[in-house]
Amino acid sequence: MPLIPEEPQIHESAQGPRVTPASGRVAPTPRPVPGPRPAAPSRPGRPGPLRPTPPAQRTARDVAASKPGPSGPKPPAASGPEPAVPQIQLLPASAEGALDAAEEAVDLLLDSGRAPGEVLVLTTGEPHPWAAHELSFGEAAYWAQHDSGDDVFYADAAAVSRAATRPVVVVAINGGSDTVAAQALPLALTRAGALLIVCGDPQQINSVLGAGV
């Protein structure tokens, strides 16, 4: 029959295997129990309480807008819009070829996009064939076409004061005295809104205008 004192030794050896693994074997590292994570610090580019507040930029714009600076009252550049000075073009031509040069100028104007109603043609000598034909029906019907402004209008330079302003005026020095040209050219310049084209002898035109064109 086994001795009673051996039982405690067997009890101690039974406890040994439980203790030995704890000291001889690497115990598994305890894993964190899933749960709420601690709040991560805010990143520089991530929205959070540490992000620089944008009102600084808005304030800069507001301050710039509130400053009068260059946007304040400016000194008037001029008392008012200056009237546009028409450009003057000279097409050298003889008295016999001035009317043909004027016709070519009109064709070029229409081809460049000018509307027919923007062109007025004046002659100092023989009237344009179209004007002579239309005048045969009476001056009332003739000037009614001028007032409608639908087409190129041909008139005698002596009647330039009756003509209305058009963007382009073409003057054909196709005859007549120097007095007629001297009176017609200055008036034609006042009737030209953007461009005055003079077809004729350059020396005669310069002497009439009193300066080179």
N, C-alpha and C. Protein backbone atom coordinates (compact mmCIF):
# COMPACT_ATOMS: atom_id res chain seq x y z
N MET A 1 0.86 -1.18 0.00
CA MET A 1 0.00 0.00 0.00
C MET A 1 0.89 1.22 0.00
N PRO A 2 0.67 2.20 -0.96
CA PRO A 2 1.58 3.35 -1.07
C PRO A 2 1.56 4.20 0.17
N LEU A 3 2.69 4.82 0.41
CA LEU A 3 2.81 5.66 1.58
C LEU A 3 2.05 6.95 1.38
N ILE A 4 1.54 7.44 2.37
CA ILE A 4 0.75 8.68 2.31
C ILE A 4 1.62 9.87 1.98
N PRO A 5 2.89 9.94 2.53
CA PRO A 5 3.69 11.15 2.20
C PRO A 5 3.99 11.31 0.72
N GLU A 6 3.85 10.29 -0.11
CA GLU A 6 4.17 10.43 -1.54
C GLU A 6 3.10 11.19 -2.30
N GLU A 7 1.95 11.22 -1.75
CA GLU A 7 0.87 11.92 -2.46
C GLU A 7 1.18 13.39 -2.66
N PRO A 8 1.75 14.07 -1.62
CA PRO A 8 2.09 15.47 -1.89
C PRO A 8 3.12 15.61 -2.99
N GLN A 9 4.08 14.67 -3.14
CA GLN A 9 5.07 14.76 -4.20
C GLN A 9 4.41 14.61 -5.56
N ILE A 10 3.48 13.63 -5.65
CA ILE A 10 2.76 13.49 -6.93
C ILE A 10 1.97 14.75 -7.21
N HIS A 11 1.44 15.39 -6.16
CA HIS A 11 0.66 16.62 -6.34
C HIS A 11 1.55 17.75 -6.83
N GLU A 12 2.82 17.77 -6.31
CA GLU A 12 3.72 18.82 -6.76
C GLU A 12 4.16 18.58 -8.20
N SER A 13 4.38 17.28 -8.56
CA SER A 13 4.76 17.02 -9.95
C SER A 13 3.62 17.28 -10.89
N ALA A 14 2.41 17.12 -10.37
CA ALA A 14 1.26 17.44 -11.23
C ALA A 14 1.16 18.93 -11.49
N GLN A 15 1.60 19.72 -10.50
CA GLN A 15 1.57 21.15 -10.72
C GLN A 15 2.71 21.62 -11.61
N GLY A 16 3.81 20.84 -11.67
CA GLY A 16 4.98 21.22 -12.46
C GLY A 16 4.67 21.46 -13.91
N PRO A 17 4.02 20.50 -14.60
CA PRO A 17 3.75 20.72 -16.02
C PRO A 17 2.96 21.98 -16.27
N ARG A 18 2.14 22.43 -15.32
CA ARG A 18 1.38 23.66 -15.54
C ARG A 18 2.27 24.88 -15.43
N VAL A 19 3.26 24.81 -14.53
CA VAL A 19 4.11 25.98 -14.33
C VAL A 19 5.20 26.05 -15.39
N THR A 20 5.75 24.86 -15.81
CA THR A 20 6.86 24.82 -16.74
C THR A 20 6.52 25.49 -18.07
N PRO A 21 5.39 25.20 -18.67
CA PRO A 21 5.10 25.89 -19.94
C PRO A 21 5.07 27.39 -19.78
N ALA A 22 4.66 27.90 -18.63
CA ALA A 22 4.57 29.35 -18.46
C ALA A 22 5.94 29.99 -18.48
N SER A 23 7.01 29.24 -17.97
CA SER A 23 8.34 29.83 -17.92
C SER A 23 9.22 29.39 -19.07
N GLY A 24 9.04 28.18 -19.59
CA GLY A 24 9.91 27.66 -20.65
C GLY A 24 9.40 27.98 -22.02
N ARG A 25 8.08 28.04 -22.21
CA ARG A 25 7.51 28.35 -23.52
C ARG A 25 7.12 29.81 -23.59
N VAL A 26 7.27 30.36 -24.80
CA VAL A 26 6.88 31.77 -24.97
C VAL A 26 5.37 31.85 -25.00
N ALA A 27 4.88 32.51 -24.07
CA ALA A 27 3.41 32.64 -24.00
C ALA A 27 2.92 33.60 -25.06
N PRO A 28 1.83 33.27 -25.67
CA PRO A 28 1.31 34.17 -26.71
C PRO A 28 1.03 35.56 -26.15
N THR A 29 1.43 36.54 -26.95
CA THR A 29 1.21 37.94 -26.52
C THR A 29 -0.28 38.23 -26.50
N PRO A 30 -0.72 38.73 -25.43
CA PRO A 30 -2.17 39.01 -25.35
C PRO A 30 -2.56 40.06 -26.37
N ARG A 31 -3.55 39.75 -27.18
CA ARG A 31 -4.04 40.68 -28.21
C ARG A 31 -5.04 41.65 -27.59
N PRO A 32 -4.98 42.85 -28.11
CA PRO A 32 -5.93 43.83 -27.53
C PRO A 32 -7.36 43.47 -27.88
N VAL A 33 -8.13 43.67 -26.95
CA VAL A 33 -9.56 43.37 -27.14
C VAL A 33 -10.17 44.46 -28.00
N PRO A 34 -10.86 44.06 -29.07
CA PRO A 34 -11.49 45.09 -29.92
C PRO A 34 -12.37 46.02 -29.11
N GLY A 35 -12.26 47.25 -29.43
CA GLY A 35 -13.04 48.24 -28.71
C GLY A 35 -12.83 49.62 -29.30
N PRO A 36 -13.33 50.61 -28.73
CA PRO A 36 -13.14 51.98 -29.26
C PRO A 36 -11.68 52.38 -29.22
N ARG A 37 -11.17 52.85 -30.43
CA ARG A 37 -9.77 53.26 -30.49
C ARG A 37 -9.61 54.68 -29.96
N PRO A 38 -8.42 54.93 -29.45
CA PRO A 38 -8.21 56.32 -28.99
C PRO A 38 -8.22 57.27 -30.18
N ALA A 39 -8.65 58.46 -29.95
CA ALA A 39 -8.75 59.46 -31.03
C ALA A 39 -7.38 59.76 -31.60
N ALA A 40 -7.27 59.62 -32.94
CA ALA A 40 -5.99 59.89 -33.60
C ALA A 40 -5.79 61.39 -33.73
N PRO A 41 -4.53 61.79 -33.63
CA PRO A 41 -4.28 63.24 -33.78
C PRO A 41 -4.63 63.71 -35.17
N SER A 42 -5.10 64.92 -35.29
CA SER A 42 -5.51 65.46 -36.59
C SER A 42 -4.31 65.64 -37.49
N ARG A 43 -4.48 65.29 -38.80
CA ARG A 43 -3.41 65.47 -39.78
C ARG A 43 -3.45 66.88 -40.33
N PRO A 44 -2.29 67.31 -40.85
CA PRO A 44 -2.28 68.69 -41.37
C PRO A 44 -3.28 68.92 -42.50
N GLY A 45 -3.41 67.95 -43.41
CA GLY A 45 -4.31 68.16 -44.53
C GLY A 45 -5.69 67.61 -44.32
N ARG A 46 -5.99 67.15 -43.13
CA ARG A 46 -7.27 66.50 -42.87
C ARG A 46 -8.16 67.45 -42.09
N PRO A 47 -9.45 67.51 -42.41
CA PRO A 47 -10.32 68.43 -41.65
C PRO A 47 -10.32 68.09 -40.19
N GLY A 48 -10.19 69.05 -39.38
CA GLY A 48 -10.17 68.84 -37.95
C GLY A 48 -10.03 70.16 -37.24
N PRO A 49 -10.01 70.10 -35.94
CA PRO A 49 -9.94 71.36 -35.20
C PRO A 49 -8.63 72.10 -35.38
N LEU A 50 -7.54 71.38 -35.81
CA LEU A 50 -6.24 72.03 -35.93
C LEU A 50 -6.01 72.63 -37.30
N ARG A 51 -6.96 72.46 -38.26
CA ARG A 51 -6.75 73.01 -39.60
C ARG A 51 -6.85 74.53 -39.57
N PRO A 52 -5.94 75.20 -40.26
CA PRO A 52 -6.01 76.68 -40.25
C PRO A 52 -7.35 77.15 -40.77
N THR A 53 -7.91 78.07 -40.11
CA THR A 53 -9.23 78.55 -40.51
C THR A 53 -9.14 79.44 -41.72
N PRO A 54 -10.05 79.27 -42.71
CA PRO A 54 -9.99 80.06 -43.94
C PRO A 54 -10.38 81.52 -43.83
N PRO A 55 -10.98 81.99 -42.72
CA PRO A 55 -11.39 83.40 -42.75
C PRO A 55 -10.26 84.37 -43.06
N ALA A 56 -8.98 83.95 -42.87
CA ALA A 56 -7.88 84.88 -43.15
C ALA A 56 -7.86 85.28 -44.62
N GLN A 57 -8.12 84.28 -45.51
CA GLN A 57 -8.12 84.58 -46.94
C GLN A 57 -9.32 85.45 -47.30
N ARG A 58 -10.46 85.13 -46.73
CA ARG A 58 -11.62 85.95 -47.03
C ARG A 58 -11.44 87.37 -46.52
N THR A 59 -10.79 87.46 -45.38
CA THR A 59 -10.55 88.80 -44.85
C THR A 59 -9.66 89.60 -45.76
N ALA A 60 -8.62 88.92 -46.34
CA ALA A 60 -7.72 89.64 -47.24
C ALA A 60 -8.48 90.16 -48.45
N ARG A 61 -9.39 89.34 -48.97
CA ARG A 61 -10.15 89.80 -50.13
C ARG A 61 -11.10 90.93 -49.74
N ASP A 62 -11.71 90.76 -48.54
CA ASP A 62 -12.63 91.81 -48.12
C ASP A 62 -11.91 93.13 -47.92
N VAL A 63 -10.69 93.05 -47.35
CA VAL A 63 -9.94 94.28 -47.14
C VAL A 63 -9.57 94.90 -48.46
N ALA A 64 -9.13 94.03 -49.43
CA ALA A 64 -8.77 94.57 -50.75
C ALA A 64 -9.97 95.19 -51.42
N ALA A 65 -11.16 94.58 -51.23
CA ALA A 65 -12.35 95.13 -51.87
C ALA A 65 -12.80 96.41 -51.20
N SER A 66 -12.53 96.51 -49.87
CA SER A 66 -12.98 97.70 -49.16
C SER A 66 -12.08 98.89 -49.39
N LYS A 67 -10.79 98.62 -49.79
CA LYS A 67 -9.88 99.73 -50.04
C LYS A 67 -10.28 100.44 -51.32
N PRO A 68 -10.33 101.73 -51.35
CA PRO A 68 -10.66 102.42 -52.61
C PRO A 68 -9.60 102.18 -53.66
N GLY A 69 -8.30 102.34 -53.30
CA GLY A 69 -7.19 102.06 -54.20
C GLY A 69 -7.43 102.57 -55.60
N PRO A 70 -6.99 101.74 -56.57
CA PRO A 70 -7.18 102.15 -57.96
C PRO A 70 -8.62 102.14 -58.42
N SER A 71 -9.51 101.41 -57.66
CA SER A 71 -10.90 101.35 -58.07
C SER A 71 -11.70 102.56 -57.62
N GLY A 72 -11.05 103.49 -56.97
CA GLY A 72 -11.73 104.68 -56.51
C GLY A 72 -12.06 105.60 -57.67
N PRO A 73 -12.56 106.75 -57.37
CA PRO A 73 -12.90 107.68 -58.45
C PRO A 73 -11.67 108.06 -59.25
N LYS A 74 -11.74 107.84 -60.55
CA LYS A 74 -10.62 108.14 -61.43
C LYS A 74 -10.80 109.53 -62.03
N PRO A 75 -9.70 110.20 -62.24
CA PRO A 75 -9.83 111.50 -62.92
C PRO A 75 -10.32 111.32 -64.33
N PRO A 76 -11.23 112.11 -64.79
CA PRO A 76 -11.75 111.93 -66.14
C PRO A 76 -10.65 112.07 -67.18
N ALA A 77 -10.58 111.09 -68.08
CA ALA A 77 -9.56 111.12 -69.13
C ALA A 77 -9.83 112.25 -70.10
N ALA A 78 -11.10 112.53 -70.30
CA ALA A 78 -11.46 113.63 -71.20
C ALA A 78 -12.85 114.10 -70.82
N SER A 79 -13.23 115.23 -71.31
CA SER A 79 -14.54 115.77 -70.99
C SER A 79 -15.65 114.93 -71.59
N GLY A 80 -15.35 114.12 -72.58
CA GLY A 80 -16.34 113.27 -73.21
C GLY A 80 -15.70 112.49 -74.34
N PRO A 81 -16.41 111.53 -74.89
CA PRO A 81 -15.84 110.77 -76.01
C PRO A 81 -15.55 111.67 -77.20
N GLU A 82 -14.30 111.65 -77.62
CA GLU A 82 -13.92 112.49 -78.75
C GLU A 82 -14.52 111.94 -80.04
N PRO A 83 -14.99 112.81 -80.90
CA PRO A 83 -15.53 112.34 -82.17
C PRO A 83 -14.46 111.65 -82.99
N ALA A 84 -14.82 110.56 -83.61
CA ALA A 84 -13.86 109.81 -84.41
C ALA A 84 -13.49 110.61 -85.66
N VAL A 85 -12.21 110.64 -85.92
CA VAL A 85 -11.72 111.35 -87.12
C VAL A 85 -11.70 110.35 -88.27
N PRO A 86 -12.40 110.63 -89.36
CA PRO A 86 -12.42 109.66 -90.47
C PRO A 86 -11.03 109.48 -91.07
N GLN A 87 -10.77 108.28 -91.49
CA GLN A 87 -9.53 108.00 -92.21
C GLN A 87 -9.69 108.44 -93.66
N ILE A 88 -8.63 109.00 -94.23
CA ILE A 88 -8.68 109.49 -95.60
C ILE A 88 -7.76 108.65 -96.48
N GLN A 89 -8.31 108.16 -97.57
CA GLN A 89 -7.53 107.39 -98.55
C GLN A 89 -7.61 108.09 -99.91
N LEU A 90 -6.47 108.13 -100.57
CA LEU A 90 -6.40 108.76 -101.89
C LEU A 90 -6.11 107.70 -102.94
N LEU A 91 -6.97 107.64 -103.95
CA LEU A 91 -6.76 106.73 -105.07
C LEU A 91 -6.42 107.57 -106.30
N PRO A 92 -5.15 107.60 -106.68
CA PRO A 92 -4.77 108.42 -107.85
C PRO A 92 -5.52 107.98 -109.10
N ALA A 93 -6.06 108.95 -109.78
CA ALA A 93 -6.79 108.66 -111.02
C ALA A 93 -6.94 109.96 -111.79
N SER A 94 -7.05 109.83 -113.09
CA SER A 94 -7.30 111.00 -113.91
C SER A 94 -8.78 111.38 -113.81
N ALA A 95 -9.11 112.52 -114.36
CA ALA A 95 -10.50 112.95 -114.33
C ALA A 95 -11.39 111.98 -115.09
N GLU A 96 -10.84 111.42 -116.18
CA GLU A 96 -11.62 110.46 -116.96
C GLU A 96 -11.77 109.11 -116.24
N GLY A 97 -10.80 108.74 -115.43
CA GLY A 97 -10.84 107.43 -114.76
C GLY A 97 -11.27 107.50 -113.32
N ALA A 98 -11.62 108.69 -112.82
CA ALA A 98 -11.97 108.82 -111.40
C ALA A 98 -13.25 108.06 -111.07
N LEU A 99 -14.24 108.11 -111.98
CA LEU A 99 -15.49 107.42 -111.70
C LEU A 99 -15.30 105.90 -111.68
N ASP A 100 -14.48 105.39 -112.59
CA ASP A 100 -14.20 103.95 -112.59
C ASP A 100 -13.46 103.55 -111.31
N ALA A 101 -12.52 104.40 -110.86
CA ALA A 101 -11.81 104.11 -109.61
C ALA A 101 -12.77 104.10 -108.43
N ALA A 102 -13.74 105.01 -108.45
CA ALA A 102 -14.73 105.04 -107.37
C ALA A 102 -15.59 103.77 -107.38
N GLU A 103 -15.94 103.30 -108.59
CA GLU A 103 -16.72 102.06 -108.69
C GLU A 103 -15.93 100.87 -108.13
N GLU A 104 -14.64 100.82 -108.45
CA GLU A 104 -13.81 99.74 -107.93
C GLU A 104 -13.70 99.81 -106.41
N ALA A 105 -13.61 101.03 -105.90
CA ALA A 105 -13.54 101.19 -104.44
C ALA A 105 -14.83 100.70 -103.78
N VAL A 106 -15.97 101.00 -104.40
CA VAL A 106 -17.24 100.54 -103.84
C VAL A 106 -17.31 99.01 -103.86
N ASP A 107 -16.86 98.41 -104.95
CA ASP A 107 -16.88 96.95 -105.03
C ASP A 107 -16.02 96.34 -103.92
N LEU A 108 -14.85 96.92 -103.69
CA LEU A 108 -13.98 96.41 -102.63
C LEU A 108 -14.61 96.58 -101.26
N LEU A 109 -15.30 97.69 -101.05
CA LEU A 109 -15.96 97.90 -99.77
C LEU A 109 -17.05 96.87 -99.52
N LEU A 110 -17.85 96.60 -100.56
CA LEU A 110 -18.92 95.62 -100.41
C LEU A 110 -18.36 94.22 -100.22
N ASP A 111 -17.27 93.91 -100.92
CA ASP A 111 -16.66 92.59 -100.77
C ASP A 111 -16.05 92.41 -99.38
N SER A 112 -15.62 93.51 -98.77
CA SER A 112 -15.02 93.42 -97.43
C SER A 112 -16.05 93.35 -96.32
N GLY A 113 -17.33 93.44 -96.67
CA GLY A 113 -18.37 93.29 -95.66
C GLY A 113 -19.19 94.53 -95.38
N ARG A 114 -18.87 95.62 -96.03
CA ARG A 114 -19.67 96.82 -95.84
C ARG A 114 -21.07 96.64 -96.43
N ALA A 115 -22.06 97.12 -95.71
CA ALA A 115 -23.42 97.08 -96.24
C ALA A 115 -23.58 98.17 -97.30
N PRO A 116 -24.37 97.93 -98.33
CA PRO A 116 -24.56 98.96 -99.37
C PRO A 116 -25.05 100.28 -98.82
N GLY A 117 -25.91 100.24 -97.82
CA GLY A 117 -26.44 101.47 -97.26
C GLY A 117 -25.43 102.28 -96.47
N GLU A 118 -24.21 101.76 -96.30
CA GLU A 118 -23.18 102.50 -95.56
C GLU A 118 -22.30 103.34 -96.47
N VAL A 119 -22.56 103.31 -97.78
CA VAL A 119 -21.66 103.96 -98.74
C VAL A 119 -22.40 105.08 -99.48
N LEU A 120 -21.74 106.23 -99.56
CA LEU A 120 -22.22 107.38 -100.32
C LEU A 120 -21.15 107.75 -101.33
N VAL A 121 -21.55 107.92 -102.59
CA VAL A 121 -20.61 108.26 -103.67
C VAL A 121 -20.98 109.63 -104.20
N LEU A 122 -19.98 110.51 -104.26
CA LEU A 122 -20.18 111.88 -104.77
C LEU A 122 -19.34 112.08 -106.02
N THR A 123 -19.87 112.82 -106.96
CA THR A 123 -19.15 113.15 -108.20
C THR A 123 -19.10 114.66 -108.37
N THR A 124 -17.93 115.15 -108.83
CA THR A 124 -17.77 116.60 -109.04
C THR A 124 -18.05 117.00 -110.48
N GLY A 125 -18.07 116.04 -111.38
CA GLY A 125 -18.32 116.33 -112.80
C GLY A 125 -19.62 115.72 -113.25
N GLU A 126 -19.55 114.89 -114.28
CA GLU A 126 -20.74 114.22 -114.78
C GLU A 126 -21.36 113.34 -113.68
N PRO A 127 -22.69 113.34 -113.55
CA PRO A 127 -23.32 112.50 -112.53
C PRO A 127 -23.14 111.02 -112.86
N HIS A 128 -23.22 110.22 -111.84
CA HIS A 128 -23.16 108.78 -112.03
C HIS A 128 -24.38 108.33 -112.83
N PRO A 129 -24.22 107.34 -113.72
CA PRO A 129 -25.38 106.89 -114.53
C PRO A 129 -26.58 106.51 -113.69
N TRP A 130 -26.35 105.91 -112.53
CA TRP A 130 -27.49 105.53 -111.68
C TRP A 130 -28.23 106.77 -111.21
N ALA A 131 -27.48 107.80 -110.78
CA ALA A 131 -28.12 109.03 -110.30
C ALA A 131 -28.89 109.72 -111.42
N ALA A 132 -28.31 109.74 -112.61
CA ALA A 132 -29.01 110.37 -113.74
C ALA A 132 -30.31 109.63 -114.05
N HIS A 133 -30.27 108.31 -113.95
CA HIS A 133 -31.48 107.52 -114.23
C HIS A 133 -32.54 107.74 -113.17
N GLU A 134 -32.17 107.75 -111.91
CA GLU A 134 -33.16 107.89 -110.85
C GLU A 134 -33.74 109.31 -110.80
N LEU A 135 -32.93 110.29 -111.13
CA LEU A 135 -33.43 111.66 -111.13
C LEU A 135 -34.47 111.89 -112.22
N SER A 136 -34.47 111.02 -113.22
CA SER A 136 -35.48 111.15 -114.27
C SER A 136 -36.88 110.89 -113.75
N PHE A 137 -37.00 110.25 -112.59
CA PHE A 137 -38.31 109.99 -111.99
C PHE A 137 -38.69 111.08 -110.98
N GLY A 138 -37.86 112.07 -110.85
CA GLY A 138 -38.17 113.15 -109.93
C GLY A 138 -37.26 113.13 -108.70
N GLU A 139 -37.02 114.31 -108.18
CA GLU A 139 -36.12 114.40 -107.02
C GLU A 139 -36.72 113.78 -105.76
N ALA A 140 -38.04 113.82 -105.65
CA ALA A 140 -38.66 113.25 -104.45
C ALA A 140 -38.39 111.76 -104.34
N ALA A 141 -38.61 111.05 -105.45
CA ALA A 141 -38.35 109.61 -105.44
C ALA A 141 -36.85 109.33 -105.30
N TYR A 142 -36.05 110.20 -105.90
CA TYR A 142 -34.60 110.02 -105.84
C TYR A 142 -34.09 110.12 -104.41
N TRP A 143 -34.47 111.20 -103.70
CA TRP A 143 -34.00 111.39 -102.33
C TRP A 143 -34.70 110.45 -101.35
N ALA A 144 -35.84 109.91 -101.73
CA ALA A 144 -36.48 108.90 -100.86
C ALA A 144 -35.61 107.66 -100.76
N GLN A 145 -34.93 107.33 -101.85
CA GLN A 145 -34.02 106.18 -101.79
C GLN A 145 -32.83 106.49 -100.89
N HIS A 146 -32.40 107.74 -100.90
CA HIS A 146 -31.31 108.14 -99.98
C HIS A 146 -31.75 107.98 -98.54
N ASP A 147 -32.97 108.43 -98.24
CA ASP A 147 -33.46 108.38 -96.87
C ASP A 147 -33.69 106.95 -96.39
N SER A 148 -34.03 106.04 -97.32
CA SER A 148 -34.26 104.65 -96.90
C SER A 148 -32.96 103.98 -96.48
N GLY A 149 -31.84 104.39 -97.08
CA GLY A 149 -30.53 103.84 -96.69
C GLY A 149 -30.37 102.37 -96.97
N ASP A 150 -31.01 101.87 -98.01
CA ASP A 150 -30.93 100.44 -98.32
C ASP A 150 -29.83 100.10 -99.30
N ASP A 151 -29.32 101.10 -100.05
CA ASP A 151 -28.37 100.80 -101.11
C ASP A 151 -27.34 101.92 -101.20
N VAL A 152 -26.31 101.66 -102.01
CA VAL A 152 -25.32 102.71 -102.29
C VAL A 152 -26.04 103.88 -102.94
N PHE A 153 -25.72 105.07 -102.46
CA PHE A 153 -26.39 106.25 -103.01
C PHE A 153 -25.36 107.11 -103.72
N TYR A 154 -25.73 107.53 -104.95
CA TYR A 154 -24.85 108.36 -105.79
C TYR A 154 -25.48 109.74 -105.90
N ALA A 155 -24.66 110.76 -105.66
CA ALA A 155 -25.18 112.12 -105.69
C ALA A 155 -24.13 113.07 -106.25
N ASP A 156 -24.60 114.23 -106.68
CA ASP A 156 -23.69 115.27 -107.15
C ASP A 156 -23.03 115.92 -105.93
N ALA A 157 -21.74 116.25 -106.08
CA ALA A 157 -21.02 116.85 -104.97
C ALA A 157 -21.65 118.16 -104.51
N ALA A 158 -22.33 118.85 -105.42
CA ALA A 158 -22.97 120.11 -105.05
C ALA A 158 -24.10 119.90 -104.06
N ALA A 159 -24.65 118.68 -103.99
CA ALA A 159 -25.76 118.39 -103.09
C ALA A 159 -25.31 117.65 -101.83
N VAL A 160 -24.00 117.69 -101.55
CA VAL A 160 -23.49 116.93 -100.41
C VAL A 160 -24.08 117.44 -99.10
N SER A 161 -24.42 118.71 -99.03
CA SER A 161 -24.98 119.24 -97.78
C SER A 161 -26.34 118.63 -97.46
N ARG A 162 -27.01 118.12 -98.48
CA ARG A 162 -28.31 117.49 -98.27
C ARG A 162 -28.17 116.02 -97.88
N ALA A 163 -27.04 115.45 -98.13
CA ALA A 163 -26.83 114.02 -97.84
C ALA A 163 -26.59 113.81 -96.34
N ALA A 164 -27.03 112.68 -95.86
CA ALA A 164 -26.83 112.33 -94.46
C ALA A 164 -25.46 111.66 -94.28
N THR A 165 -25.05 111.59 -93.04
CA THR A 165 -23.76 110.95 -92.73
C THR A 165 -23.84 109.45 -92.96
N ARG A 166 -22.81 108.92 -93.60
CA ARG A 166 -22.68 107.48 -93.79
C ARG A 166 -21.26 107.07 -93.39
N PRO A 167 -21.08 105.81 -93.01
CA PRO A 167 -19.74 105.39 -92.57
C PRO A 167 -18.65 105.64 -93.60
N VAL A 168 -18.96 105.45 -94.89
CA VAL A 168 -17.95 105.62 -95.93
C VAL A 168 -18.49 106.56 -97.00
N VAL A 169 -17.64 107.53 -97.36
CA VAL A 169 -17.97 108.45 -98.45
C VAL A 169 -16.86 108.35 -99.49
N VAL A 170 -17.26 108.16 -100.75
CA VAL A 170 -16.32 108.08 -101.87
C VAL A 170 -16.56 109.28 -102.76
N VAL A 171 -15.49 110.04 -103.02
CA VAL A 171 -15.59 111.23 -103.87
C VAL A 171 -14.80 110.98 -105.15
N ALA A 172 -15.46 111.13 -106.28
CA ALA A 172 -14.80 111.00 -107.59
C ALA A 172 -14.61 112.39 -108.17
N ILE A 173 -13.34 112.82 -108.25
CA ILE A 173 -13.03 114.11 -108.86
C ILE A 173 -12.97 113.87 -110.38
N ASN A 174 -14.13 113.78 -110.98
CA ASN A 174 -14.22 113.42 -112.40
C ASN A 174 -14.52 114.64 -113.28
N GLY A 175 -14.12 115.79 -112.82
CA GLY A 175 -14.36 117.00 -113.60
C GLY A 175 -14.82 118.11 -112.69
N GLY A 176 -15.28 119.17 -113.33
CA GLY A 176 -15.73 120.31 -112.55
C GLY A 176 -14.57 121.22 -112.21
N SER A 177 -14.89 122.37 -111.70
CA SER A 177 -13.87 123.36 -111.36
C SER A 177 -13.24 123.04 -110.01
N ASP A 178 -12.12 123.71 -109.78
CA ASP A 178 -11.47 123.53 -108.48
C ASP A 178 -12.34 124.06 -107.35
N THR A 179 -13.18 125.01 -107.65
CA THR A 179 -14.08 125.55 -106.62
C THR A 179 -15.07 124.50 -106.14
N VAL A 180 -15.59 123.73 -107.08
CA VAL A 180 -16.53 122.65 -106.71
C VAL A 180 -15.83 121.64 -105.81
N ALA A 181 -14.62 121.23 -106.18
CA ALA A 181 -13.88 120.27 -105.37
C ALA A 181 -13.52 120.86 -104.01
N ALA A 182 -13.14 122.14 -104.02
CA ALA A 182 -12.76 122.78 -102.76
C ALA A 182 -13.93 122.85 -101.79
N GLN A 183 -15.14 122.98 -102.32
CA GLN A 183 -16.32 123.01 -101.45
C GLN A 183 -16.79 121.60 -101.09
N ALA A 184 -16.61 120.66 -102.01
CA ALA A 184 -17.16 119.32 -101.80
C ALA A 184 -16.33 118.49 -100.81
N LEU A 185 -15.00 118.59 -100.91
CA LEU A 185 -14.16 117.72 -100.09
C LEU A 185 -14.30 117.99 -98.59
N PRO A 186 -14.26 119.23 -98.14
CA PRO A 186 -14.46 119.45 -96.69
C PRO A 186 -15.82 118.98 -96.21
N LEU A 187 -16.88 119.21 -97.01
CA LEU A 187 -18.20 118.75 -96.60
C LEU A 187 -18.28 117.22 -96.63
N ALA A 188 -17.63 116.62 -97.62
CA ALA A 188 -17.62 115.16 -97.68
C ALA A 188 -16.94 114.57 -96.46
N LEU A 189 -15.92 115.25 -95.96
CA LEU A 189 -15.22 114.77 -94.76
C LEU A 189 -16.13 114.79 -93.55
N THR A 190 -17.02 115.79 -93.49
CA THR A 190 -17.96 115.84 -92.37
C THR A 190 -19.06 114.79 -92.48
N ARG A 191 -19.31 114.30 -93.69
CA ARG A 191 -20.34 113.27 -93.89
C ARG A 191 -19.78 111.86 -93.73
N ALA A 192 -18.48 111.71 -93.69
CA ALA A 192 -17.86 110.38 -93.56
C ALA A 192 -17.72 110.02 -92.09
N GLY A 193 -18.37 108.94 -91.70
CA GLY A 193 -18.26 108.52 -90.30
C GLY A 193 -16.96 107.83 -89.97
N ALA A 194 -16.41 107.03 -90.90
CA ALA A 194 -15.19 106.28 -90.62
C ALA A 194 -14.14 106.44 -91.71
N LEU A 195 -14.55 106.58 -92.97
CA LEU A 195 -13.59 106.55 -94.07
C LEU A 195 -14.02 107.48 -95.20
N LEU A 196 -13.06 108.26 -95.71
CA LEU A 196 -13.27 109.10 -96.88
C LEU A 196 -12.28 108.66 -97.94
N ILE A 197 -12.80 108.28 -99.09
CA ILE A 197 -11.96 107.85 -100.21
C ILE A 197 -12.11 108.89 -101.32
N VAL A 198 -10.98 109.42 -101.75
CA VAL A 198 -10.98 110.45 -102.80
C VAL A 198 -10.26 109.89 -104.02
N CYS A 199 -10.95 109.86 -105.14
CA CYS A 199 -10.39 109.35 -106.39
C CYS A 199 -10.16 110.54 -107.33
N GLY A 200 -8.90 110.78 -107.70
CA GLY A 200 -8.62 111.91 -108.58
C GLY A 200 -7.14 112.20 -108.65
N ASP A 201 -6.83 113.37 -109.17
CA ASP A 201 -5.44 113.81 -109.32
C ASP A 201 -4.88 114.21 -107.95
N PRO A 202 -3.81 113.56 -107.48
CA PRO A 202 -3.28 113.87 -106.15
C PRO A 202 -2.89 115.34 -105.99
N GLN A 203 -2.28 115.94 -107.02
CA GLN A 203 -1.87 117.33 -106.91
C GLN A 203 -3.07 118.26 -106.74
N GLN A 204 -4.13 117.97 -107.48
CA GLN A 204 -5.33 118.79 -107.36
C GLN A 204 -5.97 118.62 -105.98
N ILE A 205 -6.01 117.40 -105.53
CA ILE A 205 -6.64 117.13 -104.21
C ILE A 205 -5.83 117.80 -103.10
N ASN A 206 -4.50 117.67 -103.17
CA ASN A 206 -3.67 118.27 -102.13
C ASN A 206 -3.79 119.79 -102.14
N SER A 207 -3.89 120.36 -103.32
CA SER A 207 -4.03 121.82 -103.39
C SER A 207 -5.38 122.27 -102.86
N VAL A 208 -6.41 121.44 -103.04
CA VAL A 208 -7.73 121.78 -102.54
C VAL A 208 -7.79 121.68 -101.03
N LEU A 209 -7.24 120.59 -100.51
CA LEU A 209 -7.28 120.37 -99.06
C LEU A 209 -6.24 121.21 -98.33
N GLY A 210 -5.22 121.67 -99.06
CA GLY A 210 -4.21 122.50 -98.42
C GLY A 210 -3.17 121.71 -97.67
N ALA A 211 -3.20 120.36 -97.78
CA ALA A 211 -2.21 119.51 -97.12
C ALA A 211 -2.19 118.19 -97.82
N GLY A 212 -1.11 117.44 -97.62
CA GLY A 212 -1.02 116.10 -98.20
C GLY A 212 -2.02 115.15 -97.56
N VAL A 213 -2.59 114.31 -98.32
CA VAL A 213 -3.57 113.34 -97.83
C VAL A 213 -2.92 111.98 -97.75
